[in-house]
Amino acid sequence: MKYRAIFFIAISLLLTISSCKFQRLVKSGSADEKYEEAVKLYNKKDYSRALQLFDQLAGAMRATDKAQKIAYYYAFCYYNQKDYTLASYYFKRYTNNYPNAPESEECLFMSAYCNYLNSPEFTLDQTITYEALKELQLFTNTYPTSKRVSECNDLIDKLRIKLENKDYRIAKLYFRMDDYAAAIQVLKNILKEYPDTQHKEEILFLVIKSYHKFAKESIFEKQKDRHTKAIIAYNDFVAQYPESKFIAEASDLKERSKKELESVYGKDQQKAKLEGSEIQLYKPKK
């Protein structure tokens, strides 16, 4: 116990001496002394204290040959402290100030990557996600032969899946709220923006169901058109998923829409209308 107490006292004294030394350096050290200590602290992963010194040096050494290196360390200090908003800003500023520097490619990637790390859960506002997508695409356009392009594409795919899932859940929310017009619009947008969506089968089915329910709630003059769209949506769906788990319910909805049309047009006229219709919700890729 005695030796343990002595050990902790010694450590406390060393920390106190170190702290006092650091504070004297901050207050009265020369620029070169501060730079040397800042780099040492950075390499020791003491990013908080390194940042204090680099912050002072940013102005004092602006016109020196160390300014570029300080800007580089400065951005990485924020990154390593997980302040991705400021890190992204300073990485981007580095690339703007030193576009021909060897580190410029790395910093442009890191600026985009910080925005990727800042992208929130899909249930929250996705403004930063769109910014991350824009920055990642900027990197791939600026450095198309970079070894980081593959990683950028992977990150872009992950962000797009997040946006897709947000739209998918918004569409289902509209459907549950009986806002079928809004649900149809969002579902169609998903098919357009994310043609390879993992939810495609269910989305195509929900389009049928939404048009059928929308028709049932519509005024008489608009029921015919919406029942027709439900049947055409069914044809698109069954062509792509003939053995879908939704096929029984989809077929039932189609038959009910068909009967509604027959009650208005008569069987022959209804058939002619469907065959001559140019309405199509989704056209599969060839």
Protein backbone atom coordinates (compact mmCIF):
# COMPACT_ATOMS: atom_id res chain seq x y z
CA MET A 1 0.00 0.00 0.00
CA LYS A 2 2.87 2.34 0.90
CA TYR A 3 4.58 1.87 -2.48
CA ARG A 4 1.27 2.29 -4.30
CA ALA A 5 0.65 5.60 -2.55
CA ILE A 6 4.17 6.78 -3.45
CA PHE A 7 3.55 5.78 -7.07
CA PHE A 8 0.31 7.78 -7.33
CA ILE A 9 1.95 10.81 -5.67
CA ALA A 10 4.81 10.65 -8.17
CA ILE A 11 2.38 10.43 -11.10
CA SER A 12 0.39 13.39 -9.77
CA LEU A 13 3.56 15.45 -9.46
CA LEU A 14 4.63 14.59 -13.00
CA LEU A 15 1.20 15.55 -14.37
CA THR A 16 1.28 18.82 -12.43
CA ILE A 17 4.78 19.66 -13.68
CA SER A 18 3.76 18.74 -17.23
CA SER A 19 0.64 20.87 -17.01
CA CYS A 20 2.61 23.85 -15.67
CA LYS A 21 5.19 23.44 -18.42
CA PHE A 22 2.44 23.33 -21.05
CA GLN A 23 0.73 26.45 -19.68
CA ARG A 24 4.04 28.37 -19.68
CA LEU A 25 4.58 27.29 -23.28
CA VAL A 26 1.08 28.45 -24.26
CA LYS A 27 1.61 31.84 -22.61
CA SER A 28 5.20 32.68 -23.44
CA GLY A 29 6.73 30.04 -25.72
CA SER A 30 8.13 30.93 -29.13
CA ALA A 31 6.35 29.88 -32.30
CA ASP A 32 9.00 27.25 -33.05
CA GLU A 33 8.77 25.81 -29.53
CA LYS A 34 4.99 25.64 -29.77
CA TYR A 35 5.14 23.95 -33.15
CA GLU A 36 7.61 21.33 -31.95
CA GLU A 37 5.52 20.59 -28.85
CA ALA A 38 2.26 20.54 -30.83
CA VAL A 39 3.63 17.88 -33.18
CA LYS A 40 4.86 15.84 -30.20
CA LEU A 41 1.45 16.04 -28.53
CA TYR A 42 -0.26 15.10 -31.79
CA ASN A 43 1.92 12.03 -32.18
CA LYS A 44 1.11 11.10 -28.58
CA LYS A 45 -2.61 11.40 -29.51
CA ASP A 46 -3.08 14.28 -27.09
CA TYR A 47 -5.22 16.06 -29.69
CA SER A 48 -6.88 18.50 -27.32
CA ARG A 49 -3.65 20.15 -26.16
CA ALA A 50 -2.09 19.88 -29.62
CA LEU A 51 -5.08 21.75 -31.02
CA GLN A 52 -4.58 24.59 -28.51
CA LEU A 53 -1.07 25.12 -29.83
CA PHE A 54 -1.95 24.70 -33.49
CA ASP A 55 -4.75 27.22 -32.97
CA GLN A 56 -2.20 29.80 -31.82
CA LEU A 57 0.21 28.89 -34.59
CA ALA A 58 -2.33 29.15 -37.41
CA GLY A 59 -2.08 32.93 -37.35
CA ALA A 60 1.50 33.31 -36.16
CA MET A 61 2.95 31.06 -38.87
CA ARG A 62 0.55 31.91 -41.68
CA ALA A 63 3.31 33.25 -43.93
CA THR A 64 5.85 30.52 -43.14
CA ASP A 65 6.61 27.17 -44.75
CA LYS A 66 4.96 25.43 -41.76
CA ALA A 67 1.50 26.92 -42.42
CA GLN A 68 0.47 24.10 -44.75
CA LYS A 69 1.48 21.38 -42.28
CA ILE A 70 -0.28 23.17 -39.44
CA ALA A 71 -3.51 23.28 -41.49
CA TYR A 72 -3.20 19.53 -42.07
CA TYR A 73 -2.65 18.73 -38.39
CA TYR A 74 -5.41 21.14 -37.42
CA ALA A 75 -8.06 19.30 -39.44
CA PHE A 76 -6.94 15.90 -38.15
CA CYS A 77 -7.05 17.11 -34.54
CA TYR A 78 -10.76 17.81 -34.94
CA TYR A 79 -11.27 14.51 -36.76
CA ASN A 80 -9.55 12.50 -34.04
CA GLN A 81 -11.69 14.23 -31.42
CA LYS A 82 -14.76 13.16 -33.43
CA ASP A 83 -15.82 16.72 -34.19
CA TYR A 84 -16.68 15.78 -37.76
CA THR A 85 -18.44 19.03 -38.61
CA LEU A 86 -15.36 21.19 -37.99
CA ALA A 87 -13.05 18.49 -39.34
CA SER A 88 -14.95 18.43 -42.64
CA TYR A 89 -14.76 22.22 -42.86
CA TYR A 90 -11.00 22.35 -42.26
CA PHE A 91 -10.25 19.42 -44.59
CA LYS A 92 -12.17 21.17 -47.34
CA ARG A 93 -10.41 24.45 -46.61
CA TYR A 94 -7.07 22.67 -46.90
CA THR A 95 -7.90 21.40 -50.38
CA ASN A 96 -9.05 24.88 -51.41
CA ASN A 97 -5.93 26.58 -50.03
CA TYR A 98 -3.44 23.94 -51.22
CA PRO A 99 -4.99 22.27 -54.28
CA ASN A 100 -1.63 21.00 -55.56
CA ALA A 101 -0.38 19.64 -52.24
CA PRO A 102 0.29 15.87 -51.98
CA GLU A 103 -2.26 15.70 -49.14
CA SER A 104 -4.99 17.47 -51.11
CA GLU A 105 -6.54 14.22 -52.37
CA GLU A 106 -6.61 12.74 -48.88
CA CYS A 107 -8.16 15.88 -47.40
CA LEU A 108 -10.89 16.09 -50.03
CA PHE A 109 -11.80 12.49 -49.25
CA MET A 110 -11.70 13.12 -45.51
CA SER A 111 -13.99 16.14 -45.88
CA ALA A 112 -16.58 13.92 -47.58
CA TYR A 113 -15.99 11.06 -45.15
CA CYS A 114 -16.63 13.33 -42.16
CA ASN A 115 -19.99 14.27 -43.65
CA TYR A 116 -20.68 10.56 -44.11
CA LEU A 117 -19.93 9.96 -40.43
CA ASN A 118 -22.23 12.85 -39.53
CA SER A 119 -25.14 11.42 -41.53
CA PRO A 120 -27.95 10.72 -39.01
CA GLU A 121 -30.43 7.89 -38.69
CA PHE A 122 -32.91 7.71 -41.59
CA THR A 123 -35.72 8.90 -39.29
CA LEU A 124 -34.05 12.32 -38.95
CA ASP A 125 -33.46 15.18 -41.37
CA GLN A 126 -31.14 14.03 -44.16
CA THR A 127 -29.63 17.35 -45.26
CA ILE A 128 -26.13 16.26 -44.20
CA THR A 129 -26.63 12.95 -46.04
CA TYR A 130 -27.25 14.78 -49.31
CA GLU A 131 -24.18 16.92 -48.61
CA ALA A 132 -22.11 13.77 -48.04
CA LEU A 133 -23.35 12.29 -51.33
CA LYS A 134 -22.43 15.47 -53.16
CA GLU A 135 -18.94 15.55 -51.61
CA LEU A 136 -18.25 11.87 -52.27
CA GLN A 137 -19.30 12.32 -55.90
CA LEU A 138 -17.08 15.40 -56.13
CA PHE A 139 -14.14 13.32 -54.96
CA THR A 140 -14.74 10.54 -57.52
CA ASN A 141 -15.06 13.15 -60.27
CA THR A 142 -11.91 14.99 -59.17
CA TYR A 143 -9.78 11.88 -58.65
CA PRO A 144 -11.31 9.17 -60.90
CA THR A 145 -8.19 6.99 -60.73
CA SER A 146 -7.75 7.21 -56.95
CA LYS A 147 -7.61 4.01 -54.89
CA ARG A 148 -10.26 5.63 -52.68
CA VAL A 149 -12.91 5.68 -55.46
CA SER A 150 -14.03 2.15 -54.61
CA GLU A 151 -14.53 3.15 -50.96
CA CYS A 152 -16.41 6.27 -52.05
CA ASN A 153 -18.77 4.16 -54.15
CA ASP A 154 -19.41 1.86 -51.18
CA LEU A 155 -20.18 4.86 -48.97
CA ILE A 156 -22.48 6.33 -51.63
CA ASP A 157 -24.38 3.02 -51.82
CA LYS A 158 -24.85 2.98 -48.04
CA LEU A 159 -26.16 6.55 -48.02
CA ARG A 160 -28.54 5.86 -50.88
CA ILE A 161 -29.91 2.82 -49.03
CA LYS A 162 -30.54 5.07 -46.05
CA LEU A 163 -32.44 7.60 -48.19
CA GLU A 164 -34.33 4.79 -49.88
CA ASN A 165 -35.40 3.35 -46.52
CA LYS A 166 -36.56 6.78 -45.39
CA ASP A 167 -38.73 7.19 -48.51
CA TYR A 168 -40.01 3.63 -48.17
CA ARG A 169 -41.18 4.25 -44.61
CA ILE A 170 -42.68 7.61 -45.57
CA ALA A 171 -44.68 5.88 -48.31
CA LYS A 172 -45.94 3.24 -45.87
CA LEU A 173 -46.85 5.96 -43.39
CA TYR A 174 -48.91 7.77 -46.03
CA PHE A 175 -50.58 4.44 -46.85
CA ARG A 176 -51.46 3.79 -43.20
CA MET A 177 -52.85 7.34 -42.96
CA ASP A 178 -55.08 6.60 -46.00
CA ASP A 179 -53.34 9.34 -48.00
CA TYR A 180 -53.17 7.18 -51.10
CA ALA A 181 -52.31 9.95 -53.54
CA ALA A 182 -49.17 10.82 -51.54
CA ALA A 183 -48.31 7.14 -51.06
CA ILE A 184 -48.50 6.48 -54.80
CA GLN A 185 -46.30 9.47 -55.59
CA VAL A 186 -43.60 8.46 -53.11
CA LEU A 187 -43.73 4.79 -54.20
CA LYS A 188 -43.32 5.78 -57.84
CA ASN A 189 -40.43 8.07 -56.94
CA ILE A 190 -38.66 5.22 -55.15
CA LEU A 191 -38.95 3.02 -58.26
CA LYS A 192 -37.54 5.85 -60.34
CA GLU A 193 -34.70 6.88 -58.02
CA TYR A 194 -33.78 3.40 -56.75
CA PRO A 195 -34.68 0.91 -59.52
CA ASP A 196 -32.77 -1.87 -57.75
CA THR A 197 -34.42 -1.28 -54.38
CA GLN A 198 -34.66 -4.32 -52.13
CA HIS A 199 -38.29 -3.35 -51.47
CA LYS A 200 -39.33 -3.43 -55.14
CA GLU A 201 -41.70 -6.40 -54.85
CA GLU A 202 -43.64 -4.88 -51.97
CA ILE A 203 -43.61 -1.41 -53.53
CA LEU A 204 -45.16 -2.67 -56.77
CA PHE A 205 -47.80 -4.47 -54.74
CA LEU A 206 -48.51 -1.34 -52.65
CA VAL A 207 -49.00 0.67 -55.84
CA ILE A 208 -51.80 -1.72 -56.83
CA LYS A 209 -53.35 -1.58 -53.39
CA SER A 210 -53.06 2.20 -53.17
CA TYR A 211 -54.71 2.76 -56.55
CA HIS A 212 -57.52 0.36 -55.68
CA LYS A 213 -58.20 2.03 -52.33
CA PHE A 214 -57.76 5.48 -53.85
CA ALA A 215 -60.38 4.64 -56.48
CA LYS A 216 -62.83 3.43 -53.83
CA GLU A 217 -62.56 6.76 -52.01
CA SER A 218 -62.64 8.94 -55.14
CA ILE A 219 -65.55 10.82 -56.67
CA PHE A 220 -67.36 8.88 -59.36
CA GLU A 221 -65.70 10.71 -62.26
CA LYS A 222 -62.20 9.66 -61.12
CA GLN A 223 -62.91 6.09 -60.05
CA LYS A 224 -62.64 4.66 -63.58
CA ASP A 225 -59.17 6.04 -64.20
CA ARG A 226 -57.82 4.86 -60.83
CA HIS A 227 -59.25 1.36 -61.11
CA THR A 228 -57.68 1.17 -64.57
CA LYS A 229 -54.31 2.17 -63.12
CA ALA A 230 -54.68 -0.48 -60.42
CA ILE A 231 -55.13 -3.18 -63.09
CA ILE A 232 -52.19 -1.93 -65.14
CA ALA A 233 -50.09 -1.83 -61.97
CA TYR A 234 -51.09 -5.44 -61.36
CA ASN A 235 -49.91 -6.41 -64.84
CA ASP A 236 -46.52 -4.77 -64.20
CA PHE A 237 -46.29 -6.54 -60.85
CA VAL A 238 -47.20 -10.04 -62.00
CA ALA A 239 -44.84 -9.80 -64.97
CA GLN A 240 -41.91 -9.34 -62.58
CA TYR A 241 -43.06 -11.39 -59.60
CA PRO A 242 -45.38 -14.15 -60.84
CA GLU A 243 -44.78 -16.21 -57.68
CA SER A 244 -44.86 -13.34 -55.20
CA LYS A 245 -46.14 -13.85 -51.67
CA PHE A 246 -48.50 -10.94 -52.44
CA ILE A 247 -49.90 -12.53 -55.61
CA ALA A 248 -53.16 -13.79 -54.08
CA GLU A 249 -54.09 -10.42 -52.59
CA ALA A 250 -52.92 -8.58 -55.71
CA SER A 251 -55.10 -10.82 -57.90
CA ASP A 252 -58.07 -10.19 -55.65
CA LEU A 253 -57.57 -6.42 -55.88
CA LYS A 254 -57.25 -6.65 -59.65
CA GLU A 255 -60.50 -8.64 -59.94
CA ARG A 256 -62.35 -6.18 -57.73
CA SER A 257 -61.12 -3.21 -59.78
CA LYS A 258 -62.08 -5.09 -62.93
CA LYS A 259 -65.63 -5.62 -61.64
CA GLU A 260 -65.92 -1.95 -60.77
CA LEU A 261 -64.94 -1.03 -64.31
CA GLU A 262 -67.33 -3.56 -65.82
CA SER A 263 -70.16 -2.08 -63.79
CA VAL A 264 -69.44 1.30 -65.38
CA TYR A 265 -68.41 0.41 -68.95
CA GLY A 266 -69.73 -3.05 -69.51
CA LYS A 267 -67.34 -5.93 -70.15
CA ASP A 268 -66.46 -5.20 -73.80
CA GLN A 269 -65.91 -1.47 -73.32
CA GLN A 270 -63.82 -2.04 -70.21
CA LYS A 271 -61.58 -4.48 -72.07
CA ALA A 272 -61.14 -2.01 -74.94
CA LYS A 273 -60.23 0.76 -72.54
CA LEU A 274 -57.56 -1.34 -70.84
CA GLU A 275 -56.08 -2.54 -74.12
CA GLY A 276 -55.91 0.99 -75.47
CA SER A 277 -54.61 2.62 -72.33
CA GLU A 278 -51.18 4.27 -72.45
CA ILE A 279 -50.93 4.57 -68.69
CA GLN A 280 -47.96 2.74 -67.20
CA LEU A 281 -46.59 3.09 -63.70
CA TYR A 282 -43.29 1.30 -64.04
CA LYS A 283 -41.31 0.09 -67.01
CA PRO A 284 -38.71 -2.56 -66.17
CA LYS A 285 -35.18 -2.14 -67.50
CA LYS A 286 -34.37 -4.18 -70.58
